[in-house]
Amino acid sequence: MAHLVRVEDLPVVEPPGVGCHEEEEDTPTYLLGKYLLLLRRQAAPSRVQQRCFYDINLSGLHTAALNEVLRQPIVDTFDMQVLMSGSARHHISFLEDEEEALRRIEIPFVFKLLQSGLVHGLAFWFDVAFSGSTSTVWFSTAPTEPLTHWYQVRCLLQTP
């Protein structure tokens, strides 16, 4: 049997550096924010099934909260084995391309699946060539390369 809990009695679960003003703690927005943090920590949309949060039934907010979570990219690392397809490449030259061409970048792609399974989203990373007068140095954020603080980006699909 569920019991009622006051929002202000919930423990704070925000990451360091993210605060909440006292007057905000009494609002439904504060509770929704805490619920969004919980959903954000889930691995994939198919696993985001938790409807109760601190014994409070939030079923009415679940769809809106899930949509909000799925609108936000996830900056993190992942194992290459989770990828279902090879990568698509797109070349941009800041020396040669016109500024107008960089205002809206469209990258055509076709996926050739390498394994069967559910596709939960798209993964992104970039490689940069620093071309000098005598040599070129490459920097990569690909999951196959040593980890940097740039990580990779994943955008989840509403339905796998």
C-alpha atoms as a PDB file:
ATOM      1  CA  MET A   1       0.000   0.000   0.000  1.00  0.00           C
ATOM      2  CA  ALA A   2       1.437   3.360  -1.053  1.00  0.00           C
ATOM      3  CA  HIS A   3       1.650   6.182   1.447  1.00  0.00           C
ATOM      4  CA  LEU A   4       1.811   9.908   0.838  1.00  0.00           C
ATOM      5  CA  VAL A   5       5.157  11.663   0.976  1.00  0.00           C
ATOM      6  CA  ARG A   6       5.670  15.411   1.010  1.00  0.00           C
ATOM      7  CA  VAL A   7       7.845  16.617  -1.893  1.00  0.00           C
ATOM      8  CA  GLU A   8      10.026  18.653   0.464  1.00  0.00           C
ATOM      9  CA  ASP A   9      10.839  15.471   2.444  1.00  0.00           C
ATOM     10  CA  LEU A  10      12.397  13.751  -0.580  1.00  0.00           C
ATOM     11  CA  PRO A  11      16.203  13.471  -0.491  1.00  0.00           C
ATOM     12  CA  VAL A  12      18.056  15.679  -2.965  1.00  0.00           C
ATOM     13  CA  VAL A  13      19.474  13.661  -5.886  1.00  0.00           C
ATOM     14  CA  GLU A  14      20.750  16.441  -8.140  1.00  0.00           C
ATOM     15  CA  PRO A  15      24.324  16.200  -9.407  1.00  0.00           C
ATOM     16  CA  PRO A  16      26.877  18.520  -7.759  1.00  0.00           C
ATOM     17  CA  GLY A  17      26.526  22.133  -8.833  1.00  0.00           C
ATOM     18  CA  VAL A  18      22.785  21.863  -9.543  1.00  0.00           C
ATOM     19  CA  GLY A  19      20.786  23.456  -6.770  1.00  0.00           C
ATOM     20  CA  CYS A  20      17.198  24.195  -5.974  1.00  0.00           C
ATOM     21  CA  HIS A  21      15.787  27.273  -4.296  1.00  0.00           C
ATOM     22  CA  GLU A  22      13.757  26.545  -1.177  1.00  0.00           C
ATOM     23  CA  GLU A  23      10.579  28.046  -2.599  1.00  0.00           C
ATOM     24  CA  GLU A  24      10.843  25.683  -5.594  1.00  0.00           C
ATOM     25  CA  GLU A  25      10.882  22.568  -3.408  1.00  0.00           C
ATOM     26  CA  ASP A  26       7.140  22.871  -2.772  1.00  0.00           C
ATOM     27  CA  THR A  27       6.228  22.855  -6.451  1.00  0.00           C
ATOM     28  CA  PRO A  28       5.275  20.000  -8.763  1.00  0.00           C
ATOM     29  CA  THR A  29       8.116  21.197 -11.029  1.00  0.00           C
ATOM     30  CA  TYR A  30      10.632  20.179  -8.353  1.00  0.00           C
ATOM     31  CA  LEU A  31       9.142  16.672  -8.179  1.00  0.00           C
ATOM     32  CA  LEU A  32       9.051  16.395 -11.976  1.00  0.00           C
ATOM     33  CA  GLY A  33      12.696  17.459 -12.125  1.00  0.00           C
ATOM     34  CA  LYS A  34      13.689  14.737  -9.685  1.00  0.00           C
ATOM     35  CA  TYR A  35      11.629  12.207 -11.662  1.00  0.00           C
ATOM     36  CA  LEU A  36      13.347  13.309 -14.902  1.00  0.00           C
ATOM     37  CA  LEU A  37      16.735  12.700 -13.286  1.00  0.00           C
ATOM     38  CA  LEU A  38      15.634   9.176 -12.417  1.00  0.00           C
ATOM     39  CA  LEU A  39      14.398   8.454 -15.956  1.00  0.00           C
ATOM     40  CA  ARG A  40      17.551   9.993 -17.447  1.00  0.00           C
ATOM     41  CA  ARG A  41      19.664   7.395 -15.651  1.00  0.00           C
ATOM     42  CA  GLN A  42      17.813   4.539 -17.375  1.00  0.00           C
ATOM     43  CA  ALA A  43      19.758   2.772 -20.142  1.00  0.00           C
ATOM     44  CA  ALA A  44      17.144   2.704 -22.925  1.00  0.00           C
ATOM     45  CA  PRO A  45      13.549   3.840 -23.570  1.00  0.00           C
ATOM     46  CA  SER A  46      12.252   0.269 -23.262  1.00  0.00           C
ATOM     47  CA  ARG A  47      13.567   0.180 -19.686  1.00  0.00           C
ATOM     48  CA  VAL A  48      11.983   3.440 -18.593  1.00  0.00           C
ATOM     49  CA  GLN A  49       8.956   1.845 -16.990  1.00  0.00           C
ATOM     50  CA  GLN A  50       9.094   3.199 -13.444  1.00  0.00           C
ATOM     51  CA  ARG A  51       5.778   4.912 -12.710  1.00  0.00           C
ATOM     52  CA  CYS A  52       6.165   5.416  -8.955  1.00  0.00           C
ATOM     53  CA  PHE A  53       8.784   7.645  -7.414  1.00  0.00           C
ATOM     54  CA  TYR A  54       9.225   7.707  -3.621  1.00  0.00           C
ATOM     55  CA  ASP A  55       5.844   5.942  -3.330  1.00  0.00           C
ATOM     56  CA  ILE A  56       4.147   8.694  -5.341  1.00  0.00           C
ATOM     57  CA  ASN A  57       2.228   7.522  -8.404  1.00  0.00           C
ATOM     58  CA  LEU A  58       3.483   9.664 -11.275  1.00  0.00           C
ATOM     59  CA  SER A  59       1.765   7.774 -14.087  1.00  0.00           C
ATOM     60  CA  GLY A  60       0.114  10.972 -15.265  1.00  0.00           C
ATOM     61  CA  LEU A  61       3.522  12.617 -15.775  1.00  0.00           C
ATOM     62  CA  HIS A  62       5.262   9.596 -17.271  1.00  0.00           C
ATOM     63  CA  THR A  63       4.621  10.347 -20.956  1.00  0.00           C
ATOM     64  CA  ALA A  64       5.632  14.000 -20.655  1.00  0.00           C
ATOM     65  CA  ALA A  65       8.709  13.081 -18.604  1.00  0.00           C
ATOM     66  CA  LEU A  66       9.762  10.353 -21.046  1.00  0.00           C
ATOM     67  CA  ASN A  67       9.348  12.732 -24.001  1.00  0.00           C
ATOM     68  CA  GLU A  68      11.523  15.295 -22.210  1.00  0.00           C
ATOM     69  CA  VAL A  69      14.227  12.705 -21.511  1.00  0.00           C
ATOM     70  CA  LEU A  70      14.239  11.501 -25.114  1.00  0.00           C
ATOM     71  CA  ARG A  71      14.631  15.072 -26.449  1.00  0.00           C
ATOM     72  CA  GLN A  72      17.990  15.403 -24.696  1.00  0.00           C
ATOM     73  CA  PRO A  73      21.167  13.839 -26.087  1.00  0.00           C
ATOM     74  CA  ILE A  74      23.183  11.591 -23.788  1.00  0.00           C
ATOM     75  CA  VAL A  75      26.876  12.496 -23.579  1.00  0.00           C
ATOM     76  CA  ASP A  76      28.669   9.368 -22.455  1.00  0.00           C
ATOM     77  CA  THR A  77      30.821   6.487 -23.619  1.00  0.00           C
ATOM     78  CA  PHE A  78      29.649   3.154 -24.959  1.00  0.00           C
ATOM     79  CA  ASP A  79      31.117  -0.123 -26.140  1.00  0.00           C
ATOM     80  CA  MET A  80      31.406  -0.494 -29.927  1.00  0.00           C
ATOM     81  CA  GLN A  81      29.677  -3.879 -29.650  1.00  0.00           C
ATOM     82  CA  VAL A  82      26.336  -2.138 -29.053  1.00  0.00           C
ATOM     83  CA  LEU A  83      26.466  -0.544 -32.507  1.00  0.00           C
ATOM     84  CA  MET A  84      24.241  -2.223 -35.078  1.00  0.00           C
ATOM     85  CA  SER A  85      25.806  -0.575 -38.143  1.00  0.00           C
ATOM     86  CA  GLY A  86      29.029   0.900 -39.410  1.00  0.00           C
ATOM     87  CA  SER A  87      29.585   4.629 -39.230  1.00  0.00           C
ATOM     88  CA  ALA A  88      28.575   7.239 -41.793  1.00  0.00           C
ATOM     89  CA  ARG A  89      31.120   9.913 -42.674  1.00  0.00           C
ATOM     90  CA  HIS A  90      30.691  13.547 -43.566  1.00  0.00           C
ATOM     91  CA  HIS A  91      33.559  15.884 -44.498  1.00  0.00           C
ATOM     92  CA  ILE A  92      33.636  19.582 -43.598  1.00  0.00           C
ATOM     93  CA  SER A  93      36.528  21.903 -44.406  1.00  0.00           C
ATOM     94  CA  PHE A  94      36.552  25.141 -42.452  1.00  0.00           C
ATOM     95  CA  LEU A  95      39.193  26.436 -44.880  1.00  0.00           C
ATOM     96  CA  GLU A  96      37.362  25.608 -48.114  1.00  0.00           C
ATOM     97  CA  ASP A  97      33.624  25.526 -47.321  1.00  0.00           C
ATOM     98  CA  GLU A  98      31.624  28.736 -47.475  1.00  0.00           C
ATOM     99  CA  GLU A  99      30.214  30.037 -44.187  1.00  0.00           C
ATOM    100  CA  GLU A 100      26.676  29.710 -45.530  1.00  0.00           C
ATOM    101  CA  ALA A 101      27.218  25.976 -46.119  1.00  0.00           C
ATOM    102  CA  LEU A 102      28.022  25.559 -42.422  1.00  0.00           C
ATOM    103  CA  ARG A 103      24.809  27.177 -41.171  1.00  0.00           C
ATOM    104  CA  ARG A 104      22.749  24.064 -41.882  1.00  0.00           C
ATOM    105  CA  ILE A 105      24.542  20.761 -42.198  1.00  0.00           C
ATOM    106  CA  GLU A 106      22.637  17.823 -43.650  1.00  0.00           C
ATOM    107  CA  ILE A 107      24.333  14.447 -43.568  1.00  0.00           C
ATOM    108  CA  PRO A 108      22.797  11.769 -45.810  1.00  0.00           C
ATOM    109  CA  PHE A 109      23.195   8.250 -44.481  1.00  0.00           C
ATOM    110  CA  VAL A 110      22.174   4.666 -45.155  1.00  0.00           C
ATOM    111  CA  PHE A 111      22.559   2.010 -42.486  1.00  0.00           C
ATOM    112  CA  LYS A 112      23.708  -1.480 -43.340  1.00  0.00           C
ATOM    113  CA  LEU A 113      22.927  -3.550 -40.256  1.00  0.00           C
ATOM    114  CA  LEU A 114      25.789  -5.760 -39.120  1.00  0.00           C
ATOM    115  CA  GLN A 115      23.811  -7.671 -36.485  1.00  0.00           C
ATOM    116  CA  SER A 116      20.206  -8.251 -35.466  1.00  0.00           C
ATOM    117  CA  GLY A 117      18.584  -6.576 -32.477  1.00  0.00           C
ATOM    118  CA  LEU A 118      16.617  -3.517 -31.388  1.00  0.00           C
ATOM    119  CA  VAL A 119      17.851  -0.093 -32.464  1.00  0.00           C
ATOM    120  CA  HIS A 120      17.454   2.252 -29.475  1.00  0.00           C
ATOM    121  CA  GLY A 121      18.926   5.376 -31.083  1.00  0.00           C
ATOM    122  CA  LEU A 122      21.746   6.989 -33.012  1.00  0.00           C
ATOM    123  CA  ALA A 123      25.334   7.470 -31.868  1.00  0.00           C
ATOM    124  CA  PHE A 124      27.577  10.373 -32.880  1.00  0.00           C
ATOM    125  CA  TRP A 125      31.254  11.269 -32.618  1.00  0.00           C
ATOM    126  CA  PHE A 126      33.733  13.274 -34.635  1.00  0.00           C
ATOM    127  CA  ASP A 127      37.285  13.193 -35.949  1.00  0.00           C
ATOM    128  CA  VAL A 128      39.251  16.368 -36.615  1.00  0.00           C
ATOM    129  CA  ALA A 129      42.359  16.817 -38.769  1.00  0.00           C
ATOM    130  CA  PHE A 130      44.685  19.638 -37.784  1.00  0.00           C
ATOM    131  CA  SER A 131      46.580  20.186 -41.011  1.00  0.00           C
ATOM    132  CA  GLY A 132      49.873  21.949 -40.550  1.00  0.00           C
ATOM    133  CA  SER A 133      52.469  22.965 -43.103  1.00  0.00           C
ATOM    134  CA  THR A 134      54.526  19.787 -42.609  1.00  0.00           C
ATOM    135  CA  SER A 135      52.185  17.263 -40.973  1.00  0.00           C
ATOM    136  CA  THR A 136      48.576  16.489 -40.070  1.00  0.00           C
ATOM    137  CA  VAL A 137      47.500  15.543 -36.549  1.00  0.00           C
ATOM    138  CA  TRP A 138      44.231  13.674 -36.079  1.00  0.00           C
ATOM    139  CA  PHE A 139      42.010  13.936 -33.017  1.00  0.00           C
ATOM    140  CA  SER A 140      39.168  11.429 -32.656  1.00  0.00           C
ATOM    141  CA  THR A 141      36.296  11.041 -30.228  1.00  0.00           C
ATOM    142  CA  ALA A 142      35.329   7.651 -31.705  1.00  0.00           C
ATOM    143  CA  PRO A 143      34.509   4.874 -29.231  1.00  0.00           C
ATOM    144  CA  THR A 144      37.384   2.854 -30.735  1.00  0.00           C
ATOM    145  CA  GLU A 145      39.927   5.499 -29.710  1.00  0.00           C
ATOM    146  CA  PRO A 146      41.333   6.396 -26.282  1.00  0.00           C
ATOM    147  CA  LEU A 147      38.787   8.226 -24.143  1.00  0.00           C
ATOM    148  CA  THR A 148      38.814  12.029 -24.117  1.00  0.00           C
ATOM    149  CA  HIS A 149      36.636  14.486 -22.224  1.00  0.00           C
ATOM    150  CA  TRP A 150      34.586  14.918 -25.430  1.00  0.00           C
ATOM    151  CA  TYR A 151      33.010  11.425 -25.146  1.00  0.00           C
ATOM    152  CA  GLN A 152      30.350  10.409 -27.670  1.00  0.00           C
ATOM    153  CA  VAL A 153      26.703  11.427 -28.052  1.00  0.00           C
ATOM    154  CA  ARG A 154      23.641   9.194 -28.223  1.00  0.00           C
ATOM    155  CA  CYS A 155      20.156  10.299 -29.221  1.00  0.00           C
ATOM    156  CA  LEU A 156      17.463   7.823 -28.179  1.00  0.00           C
ATOM    157  CA  LEU A 157      14.415   6.925 -30.250  1.00  0.00           C
ATOM    158  CA  GLN A 158      10.917   7.131 -28.760  1.00  0.00           C
ATOM    159  CA  THR A 159      10.265   3.506 -29.729  1.00  0.00           C
ATOM    160  CA  PRO A 160      13.096   0.998 -30.291  1.00  0.00           C
END
